N, C-alpha and C. Protein backbone atom coordinates (compact mmCIF):
# COMPACT_ATOMS: atom_id res chain seq x y z
N MET A 1 -26.20 -23.62 9.68
CA MET A 1 -25.41 -22.42 9.83
C MET A 1 -24.98 -22.22 11.28
N THR A 2 -25.84 -22.62 12.21
CA THR A 2 -25.52 -22.44 13.62
C THR A 2 -24.33 -23.30 14.02
N ILE A 3 -24.26 -24.51 13.50
CA ILE A 3 -23.16 -25.41 13.83
C ILE A 3 -21.84 -24.83 13.32
N ILE A 4 -21.89 -24.26 12.12
CA ILE A 4 -20.67 -23.67 11.55
C ILE A 4 -20.22 -22.48 12.38
N THR A 5 -21.16 -21.66 12.82
CA THR A 5 -20.82 -20.52 13.66
C THR A 5 -20.21 -20.98 14.98
N ILE A 6 -20.74 -22.05 15.53
CA ILE A 6 -20.18 -22.60 16.77
C ILE A 6 -18.76 -23.11 16.54
N LEU A 7 -18.53 -23.79 15.38
CA LEU A 7 -17.17 -24.25 15.06
C LEU A 7 -16.19 -23.08 14.96
N LEU A 8 -16.60 -22.03 14.29
CA LEU A 8 -15.72 -20.87 14.17
C LEU A 8 -15.44 -20.24 15.53
N THR A 9 -16.47 -20.15 16.36
CA THR A 9 -16.29 -19.57 17.69
C THR A 9 -15.35 -20.43 18.53
N LEU A 10 -15.52 -21.75 18.48
CA LEU A 10 -14.64 -22.63 19.24
C LEU A 10 -13.20 -22.53 18.74
N SER A 11 -13.03 -22.38 17.44
CA SER A 11 -11.69 -22.24 16.89
C SER A 11 -11.01 -20.99 17.40
N VAL A 12 -11.74 -19.87 17.38
CA VAL A 12 -11.15 -18.62 17.85
C VAL A 12 -10.88 -18.68 19.34
N VAL A 13 -11.80 -19.26 20.11
CA VAL A 13 -11.60 -19.38 21.56
C VAL A 13 -10.39 -20.26 21.85
N GLY A 14 -10.20 -21.32 21.08
CA GLY A 14 -9.04 -22.20 21.27
C GLY A 14 -7.73 -21.48 21.01
N ILE A 15 -7.69 -20.71 19.93
CA ILE A 15 -6.46 -19.97 19.62
C ILE A 15 -6.17 -18.93 20.70
N ILE A 16 -7.22 -18.25 21.16
CA ILE A 16 -7.04 -17.25 22.22
C ILE A 16 -6.58 -17.93 23.50
N SER A 17 -7.13 -19.10 23.82
CA SER A 17 -6.73 -19.77 25.07
C SER A 17 -5.27 -20.23 25.01
N VAL A 18 -4.81 -20.66 23.83
CA VAL A 18 -3.39 -21.02 23.71
C VAL A 18 -2.52 -19.78 23.90
N GLY A 19 -2.94 -18.66 23.34
CA GLY A 19 -2.19 -17.42 23.53
C GLY A 19 -2.15 -16.98 24.98
N VAL A 20 -3.28 -17.11 25.68
CA VAL A 20 -3.32 -16.74 27.10
C VAL A 20 -2.44 -17.68 27.91
N TYR A 21 -2.48 -18.97 27.58
CA TYR A 21 -1.64 -19.94 28.29
C TYR A 21 -0.16 -19.61 28.12
N LEU A 22 0.24 -19.31 26.90
CA LEU A 22 1.65 -19.01 26.66
C LEU A 22 2.05 -17.66 27.25
N SER A 23 1.10 -16.73 27.37
CA SER A 23 1.46 -15.46 28.01
C SER A 23 1.50 -15.59 29.53
N MET A 24 0.75 -16.53 30.10
CA MET A 24 0.79 -16.74 31.54
C MET A 24 2.04 -17.50 31.96
N PHE A 25 2.52 -18.36 31.10
CA PHE A 25 3.72 -19.16 31.38
C PHE A 25 4.77 -18.92 30.30
N PRO A 26 5.41 -17.75 30.32
CA PRO A 26 6.37 -17.44 29.26
C PRO A 26 7.64 -18.27 29.32
N GLU A 27 7.90 -18.92 30.47
CA GLU A 27 9.11 -19.74 30.56
C GLU A 27 9.02 -20.95 29.62
N ILE A 28 7.81 -21.34 29.24
CA ILE A 28 7.64 -22.44 28.29
C ILE A 28 8.19 -22.04 26.93
N LEU A 29 8.01 -20.78 26.56
CA LEU A 29 8.52 -20.31 25.28
C LEU A 29 10.04 -20.32 25.24
N LYS A 30 10.68 -20.08 26.40
CA LYS A 30 12.14 -20.08 26.45
C LYS A 30 12.69 -21.49 26.34
N GLN A 31 11.94 -22.44 26.86
CA GLN A 31 12.41 -23.83 26.81
C GLN A 31 11.98 -24.44 25.47
N LYS A 32 11.00 -25.28 25.54
CA LYS A 32 10.49 -25.92 24.33
C LYS A 32 8.97 -25.90 24.39
N ILE A 33 8.36 -25.52 23.29
CA ILE A 33 6.90 -25.49 23.25
C ILE A 33 6.39 -26.93 23.29
N PRO A 34 5.42 -27.21 24.18
CA PRO A 34 4.90 -28.57 24.27
C PRO A 34 4.29 -29.01 22.93
N PRO A 35 4.34 -30.31 22.65
CA PRO A 35 3.81 -30.80 21.37
C PRO A 35 2.31 -30.59 21.21
N TRP A 36 1.57 -30.52 22.32
CA TRP A 36 0.13 -30.37 22.20
C TRP A 36 -0.24 -28.99 21.66
N VAL A 37 0.67 -28.01 21.79
CA VAL A 37 0.37 -26.67 21.30
C VAL A 37 0.27 -26.68 19.77
N LYS A 38 1.23 -27.35 19.11
CA LYS A 38 1.17 -27.42 17.65
C LYS A 38 -0.09 -28.13 17.19
N GLY A 39 -0.41 -29.22 17.85
CA GLY A 39 -1.62 -29.96 17.47
C GLY A 39 -2.88 -29.16 17.66
N SER A 40 -2.96 -28.41 18.77
CA SER A 40 -4.17 -27.63 19.01
C SER A 40 -4.28 -26.47 18.04
N VAL A 41 -3.17 -25.86 17.70
CA VAL A 41 -3.22 -24.76 16.74
C VAL A 41 -3.62 -25.29 15.37
N LEU A 42 -3.08 -26.43 14.96
CA LEU A 42 -3.46 -27.01 13.67
C LEU A 42 -4.92 -27.44 13.67
N ALA A 43 -5.40 -27.99 14.78
CA ALA A 43 -6.81 -28.38 14.86
C ALA A 43 -7.71 -27.15 14.79
N ASN A 44 -7.32 -26.09 15.47
CA ASN A 44 -8.11 -24.87 15.42
C ASN A 44 -8.11 -24.27 14.02
N LEU A 45 -6.97 -24.32 13.37
CA LEU A 45 -6.89 -23.81 12.00
C LEU A 45 -7.77 -24.63 11.07
N ALA A 46 -7.76 -25.96 11.25
CA ALA A 46 -8.62 -26.82 10.43
C ALA A 46 -10.09 -26.54 10.69
N LEU A 47 -10.47 -26.38 11.97
CA LEU A 47 -11.86 -26.04 12.30
C LEU A 47 -12.27 -24.72 11.66
N PHE A 48 -11.38 -23.76 11.71
CA PHE A 48 -11.67 -22.45 11.14
C PHE A 48 -11.85 -22.56 9.62
N GLY A 49 -10.97 -23.29 8.97
CA GLY A 49 -11.09 -23.47 7.51
C GLY A 49 -12.39 -24.18 7.14
N ILE A 50 -12.74 -25.23 7.87
CA ILE A 50 -13.98 -25.95 7.60
C ILE A 50 -15.18 -25.03 7.82
N GLY A 51 -15.12 -24.21 8.86
CA GLY A 51 -16.21 -23.29 9.14
C GLY A 51 -16.38 -22.24 8.05
N VAL A 52 -15.27 -21.69 7.57
CA VAL A 52 -15.35 -20.68 6.52
C VAL A 52 -15.91 -21.29 5.24
N VAL A 53 -15.44 -22.47 4.86
CA VAL A 53 -15.95 -23.14 3.66
C VAL A 53 -17.44 -23.45 3.84
N GLY A 54 -17.83 -23.88 5.01
CA GLY A 54 -19.24 -24.16 5.27
C GLY A 54 -20.11 -22.94 5.16
N ILE A 55 -19.63 -21.82 5.68
CA ILE A 55 -20.41 -20.58 5.57
C ILE A 55 -20.51 -20.14 4.12
N LEU A 56 -19.41 -20.28 3.37
CA LEU A 56 -19.47 -19.91 1.96
C LEU A 56 -20.47 -20.78 1.20
N LEU A 57 -20.43 -22.09 1.42
CA LEU A 57 -21.36 -22.97 0.72
C LEU A 57 -22.80 -22.74 1.18
N GLY A 58 -23.00 -22.50 2.45
CA GLY A 58 -24.34 -22.23 2.96
C GLY A 58 -24.91 -20.92 2.46
N SER A 59 -24.07 -19.91 2.34
CA SER A 59 -24.57 -18.63 1.87
C SER A 59 -24.88 -18.65 0.38
N VAL A 60 -24.22 -19.54 -0.39
CA VAL A 60 -24.55 -19.67 -1.82
C VAL A 60 -25.97 -20.19 -1.96
N ASN A 61 -26.34 -21.17 -1.15
CA ASN A 61 -27.71 -21.69 -1.21
C ASN A 61 -28.72 -20.64 -0.80
N GLU A 62 -28.40 -19.87 0.23
CA GLU A 62 -29.32 -18.83 0.67
C GLU A 62 -29.45 -17.73 -0.37
N ALA A 63 -28.36 -17.40 -1.05
CA ALA A 63 -28.42 -16.37 -2.09
C ALA A 63 -29.25 -16.85 -3.27
N ALA A 64 -29.12 -18.12 -3.62
CA ALA A 64 -29.92 -18.66 -4.72
C ALA A 64 -31.39 -18.65 -4.36
N ALA A 65 -31.72 -18.97 -3.12
CA ALA A 65 -33.11 -18.94 -2.69
C ALA A 65 -33.64 -17.52 -2.66
N ALA A 66 -32.80 -16.56 -2.28
CA ALA A 66 -33.24 -15.17 -2.25
C ALA A 66 -33.49 -14.63 -3.65
N GLN A 67 -32.72 -15.09 -4.64
CA GLN A 67 -32.94 -14.64 -6.02
C GLN A 67 -34.26 -15.15 -6.56
N SER A 68 -34.58 -16.40 -6.28
CA SER A 68 -35.84 -16.93 -6.78
C SER A 68 -37.02 -16.28 -6.08
N ALA A 69 -36.86 -15.89 -4.83
CA ALA A 69 -37.94 -15.24 -4.10
C ALA A 69 -38.09 -13.78 -4.50
N ALA A 70 -37.01 -13.17 -4.98
CA ALA A 70 -37.07 -11.75 -5.35
C ALA A 70 -37.89 -11.52 -6.60
N GLY A 71 -37.99 -12.51 -7.44
CA GLY A 71 -38.80 -12.35 -8.65
C GLY A 71 -37.97 -11.81 -9.80
N GLU A 72 -38.14 -10.54 -10.11
CA GLU A 72 -37.46 -9.93 -11.25
C GLU A 72 -35.99 -9.70 -10.96
N ILE A 73 -35.14 -10.17 -11.85
CA ILE A 73 -33.70 -10.01 -11.71
C ILE A 73 -33.22 -9.09 -12.81
N LYS A 74 -32.52 -8.04 -12.45
CA LYS A 74 -32.00 -7.10 -13.43
C LYS A 74 -30.69 -7.63 -13.98
N GLU A 75 -30.59 -7.66 -15.29
CA GLU A 75 -29.37 -8.13 -15.95
C GLU A 75 -28.30 -7.05 -15.90
N ILE A 76 -27.07 -7.47 -15.68
CA ILE A 76 -25.94 -6.55 -15.69
C ILE A 76 -25.17 -6.78 -16.98
N SER A 77 -24.99 -5.72 -17.74
CA SER A 77 -24.28 -5.85 -19.01
C SER A 77 -22.77 -5.92 -18.75
N ILE A 78 -22.04 -6.28 -19.79
CA ILE A 78 -20.58 -6.36 -19.67
C ILE A 78 -20.00 -4.98 -19.38
N GLY A 79 -20.55 -3.97 -20.03
CA GLY A 79 -20.06 -2.60 -19.80
C GLY A 79 -20.25 -2.15 -18.37
N LEU A 80 -21.43 -2.45 -17.80
CA LEU A 80 -21.68 -2.06 -16.41
C LEU A 80 -20.79 -2.85 -15.45
N GLY A 81 -20.59 -4.13 -15.76
CA GLY A 81 -19.71 -4.94 -14.91
C GLY A 81 -18.28 -4.43 -14.93
N LEU A 82 -17.78 -4.08 -16.11
CA LEU A 82 -16.43 -3.53 -16.21
C LEU A 82 -16.34 -2.18 -15.52
N ALA A 83 -17.41 -1.39 -15.61
CA ALA A 83 -17.42 -0.09 -14.92
C ALA A 83 -17.35 -0.28 -13.41
N LEU A 84 -18.06 -1.27 -12.89
CA LEU A 84 -18.03 -1.53 -11.45
C LEU A 84 -16.67 -2.03 -11.00
N VAL A 85 -16.03 -2.86 -11.82
CA VAL A 85 -14.68 -3.31 -11.49
C VAL A 85 -13.73 -2.13 -11.49
N GLY A 86 -13.87 -1.24 -12.49
CA GLY A 86 -13.03 -0.05 -12.56
C GLY A 86 -13.26 0.90 -11.40
N ILE A 87 -14.47 0.92 -10.89
CA ILE A 87 -14.75 1.76 -9.73
C ILE A 87 -14.12 1.18 -8.47
N GLY A 88 -14.07 -0.14 -8.38
CA GLY A 88 -13.48 -0.77 -7.20
C GLY A 88 -11.96 -0.76 -7.18
N LEU A 89 -11.35 -0.64 -8.34
CA LEU A 89 -9.88 -0.66 -8.41
C LEU A 89 -9.21 0.46 -7.63
N PRO A 90 -9.67 1.71 -7.70
CA PRO A 90 -8.98 2.75 -6.93
C PRO A 90 -8.95 2.48 -5.43
N THR A 91 -10.06 1.97 -4.90
CA THR A 91 -10.08 1.69 -3.47
C THR A 91 -9.13 0.55 -3.12
N GLY A 92 -9.14 -0.52 -3.90
CA GLY A 92 -8.27 -1.65 -3.62
C GLY A 92 -6.80 -1.30 -3.74
N LEU A 93 -6.44 -0.64 -4.84
CA LEU A 93 -5.04 -0.29 -5.04
C LEU A 93 -4.56 0.75 -4.02
N ALA A 94 -5.45 1.70 -3.69
CA ALA A 94 -5.06 2.70 -2.69
C ALA A 94 -4.89 2.05 -1.32
N ALA A 95 -5.72 1.06 -1.00
CA ALA A 95 -5.58 0.38 0.29
C ALA A 95 -4.28 -0.42 0.35
N ILE A 96 -3.91 -1.05 -0.77
CA ILE A 96 -2.64 -1.78 -0.80
C ILE A 96 -1.47 -0.81 -0.64
N GLY A 97 -1.52 0.31 -1.35
CA GLY A 97 -0.46 1.31 -1.24
C GLY A 97 -0.38 1.90 0.16
N ALA A 98 -1.54 2.16 0.77
CA ALA A 98 -1.55 2.70 2.13
C ALA A 98 -0.98 1.69 3.12
N GLY A 99 -1.29 0.41 2.91
CA GLY A 99 -0.74 -0.62 3.79
C GLY A 99 0.77 -0.70 3.70
N MET A 100 1.29 -0.59 2.49
CA MET A 100 2.75 -0.61 2.33
C MET A 100 3.38 0.63 2.95
N ALA A 101 2.72 1.79 2.78
CA ALA A 101 3.26 3.02 3.34
C ALA A 101 3.22 3.00 4.86
N VAL A 102 2.10 2.54 5.41
CA VAL A 102 1.97 2.51 6.88
C VAL A 102 2.97 1.53 7.48
N SER A 103 3.23 0.42 6.80
CA SER A 103 4.18 -0.55 7.36
C SER A 103 5.58 0.04 7.45
N SER A 104 6.03 0.71 6.41
CA SER A 104 7.39 1.26 6.46
C SER A 104 7.47 2.48 7.35
N VAL A 105 6.46 3.36 7.27
CA VAL A 105 6.48 4.55 8.12
C VAL A 105 6.30 4.16 9.59
N GLY A 106 5.45 3.17 9.85
CA GLY A 106 5.22 2.75 11.23
C GLY A 106 6.45 2.15 11.88
N SER A 107 7.17 1.31 11.15
CA SER A 107 8.37 0.71 11.74
C SER A 107 9.45 1.76 11.95
N ALA A 108 9.57 2.70 10.99
CA ALA A 108 10.55 3.77 11.18
C ALA A 108 10.15 4.68 12.33
N SER A 109 8.85 4.92 12.48
CA SER A 109 8.37 5.77 13.58
C SER A 109 8.68 5.13 14.93
N LEU A 110 8.47 3.83 15.04
CA LEU A 110 8.79 3.16 16.31
C LEU A 110 10.27 3.25 16.63
N ALA A 111 11.10 3.12 15.61
CA ALA A 111 12.54 3.22 15.84
C ALA A 111 12.93 4.62 16.29
N VAL A 112 12.30 5.64 15.71
CA VAL A 112 12.61 7.02 16.08
C VAL A 112 12.11 7.32 17.48
N ILE A 113 10.91 6.84 17.83
CA ILE A 113 10.33 7.12 19.14
C ILE A 113 11.16 6.50 20.25
N VAL A 114 11.77 5.35 19.99
CA VAL A 114 12.61 4.71 20.99
C VAL A 114 13.81 5.60 21.32
N GLU A 115 14.37 6.22 20.30
CA GLU A 115 15.56 7.05 20.54
C GLU A 115 15.21 8.47 20.96
N LYS A 116 14.15 9.04 20.35
CA LYS A 116 13.75 10.42 20.68
C LYS A 116 12.24 10.46 20.90
N PRO A 117 11.77 10.27 22.14
CA PRO A 117 10.32 10.24 22.40
C PRO A 117 9.61 11.56 22.08
N GLU A 118 10.34 12.66 22.03
CA GLU A 118 9.69 13.96 21.76
C GLU A 118 9.21 14.08 20.31
N LEU A 119 9.59 13.15 19.44
CA LEU A 119 9.15 13.18 18.04
C LEU A 119 7.87 12.38 17.81
N PHE A 120 7.19 12.01 18.88
CA PHE A 120 5.98 11.18 18.77
C PHE A 120 4.91 11.86 17.94
N GLY A 121 4.65 13.14 18.18
CA GLY A 121 3.61 13.86 17.44
C GLY A 121 3.91 13.95 15.96
N ARG A 122 5.15 14.18 15.63
CA ARG A 122 5.54 14.28 14.22
C ARG A 122 5.37 12.94 13.50
N THR A 123 5.69 11.86 14.19
CA THR A 123 5.53 10.56 13.55
C THR A 123 4.07 10.21 13.34
N LEU A 124 3.18 10.67 14.24
CA LEU A 124 1.76 10.44 14.05
C LEU A 124 1.25 11.16 12.80
N ILE A 125 1.78 12.35 12.54
CA ILE A 125 1.39 13.08 11.33
C ILE A 125 1.80 12.30 10.09
N TYR A 126 3.01 11.75 10.09
CA TYR A 126 3.46 10.97 8.94
C TYR A 126 2.60 9.73 8.73
N LEU A 127 2.21 9.07 9.83
CA LEU A 127 1.34 7.91 9.71
C LEU A 127 -0.03 8.30 9.17
N GLY A 128 -0.54 9.44 9.61
CA GLY A 128 -1.82 9.93 9.10
C GLY A 128 -1.76 10.26 7.62
N LEU A 129 -0.64 10.81 7.16
CA LEU A 129 -0.50 11.10 5.73
C LEU A 129 -0.46 9.80 4.92
N ALA A 130 0.21 8.79 5.46
CA ALA A 130 0.27 7.51 4.75
C ALA A 130 -1.11 6.85 4.70
N GLU A 131 -1.88 6.97 5.77
CA GLU A 131 -3.21 6.38 5.81
C GLU A 131 -4.18 7.16 4.93
N GLY A 132 -3.91 8.42 4.71
CA GLY A 132 -4.77 9.24 3.85
C GLY A 132 -4.84 8.75 2.43
N ILE A 133 -3.85 8.00 1.99
CA ILE A 133 -3.86 7.45 0.63
C ILE A 133 -5.08 6.56 0.43
N ALA A 134 -5.41 5.75 1.41
CA ALA A 134 -6.58 4.87 1.30
C ALA A 134 -7.87 5.68 1.25
N ILE A 135 -7.93 6.75 2.01
CA ILE A 135 -9.13 7.58 2.01
C ILE A 135 -9.31 8.26 0.66
N TYR A 136 -8.21 8.68 0.04
CA TYR A 136 -8.32 9.28 -1.29
C TYR A 136 -8.87 8.27 -2.30
N GLY A 137 -8.43 7.05 -2.25
CA GLY A 137 -8.95 6.02 -3.14
C GLY A 137 -10.43 5.77 -2.92
N LEU A 138 -10.87 5.79 -1.66
CA LEU A 138 -12.28 5.61 -1.35
C LEU A 138 -13.11 6.76 -1.89
N VAL A 139 -12.60 7.98 -1.74
CA VAL A 139 -13.32 9.15 -2.26
C VAL A 139 -13.44 9.08 -3.77
N VAL A 140 -12.38 8.68 -4.46
CA VAL A 140 -12.43 8.56 -5.92
C VAL A 140 -13.47 7.52 -6.33
N SER A 141 -13.52 6.39 -5.62
CA SER A 141 -14.50 5.36 -5.95
C SER A 141 -15.92 5.85 -5.72
N ILE A 142 -16.14 6.60 -4.66
CA ILE A 142 -17.49 7.13 -4.39
C ILE A 142 -17.88 8.13 -5.48
N LEU A 143 -16.94 8.99 -5.89
CA LEU A 143 -17.25 9.93 -6.96
C LEU A 143 -17.55 9.22 -8.28
N LEU A 144 -16.79 8.18 -8.60
CA LEU A 144 -17.04 7.42 -9.81
C LEU A 144 -18.37 6.67 -9.75
N LEU A 145 -18.73 6.18 -8.58
CA LEU A 145 -19.98 5.45 -8.43
C LEU A 145 -21.18 6.38 -8.67
N GLY A 146 -21.00 7.65 -8.33
CA GLY A 146 -22.07 8.63 -8.59
C GLY A 146 -22.27 8.90 -10.07
N LYS A 147 -21.30 8.56 -10.90
CA LYS A 147 -21.41 8.79 -12.34
C LYS A 147 -22.23 7.72 -13.06
N ILE A 148 -22.43 6.57 -12.42
CA ILE A 148 -23.18 5.49 -13.07
C ILE A 148 -24.66 5.76 -12.95
């Protein structure tokens, strides 16, 4: 697990270093991006993918070992499983809806602020209302979870 964590850390550090390099020398972006940049980004992406798969496979083994060590395992019925999926749906769907709302409201807010900076406070209120949709979904899920 330690090796996988090191791979993920190196991948993120590599991507950050490429970003810092390109921000320090922006004239490279105006000309042509060097070929080593594409290769390093692809290598970092591959390292990251290998690390994520490794963590997933490693955690499956650890979870199986934890189940055998726990002793008694409580069975989950189909009804309880469907109830848990139904409880998770409001949060997921509300988060997707909030993301769509924040994206459109946020881009429109930036366009308005550029032309009229005095409307900054009003646009923040609209963004807060759009983000509130996700909080409502979370509250509904918590209330439903209390019913089980």
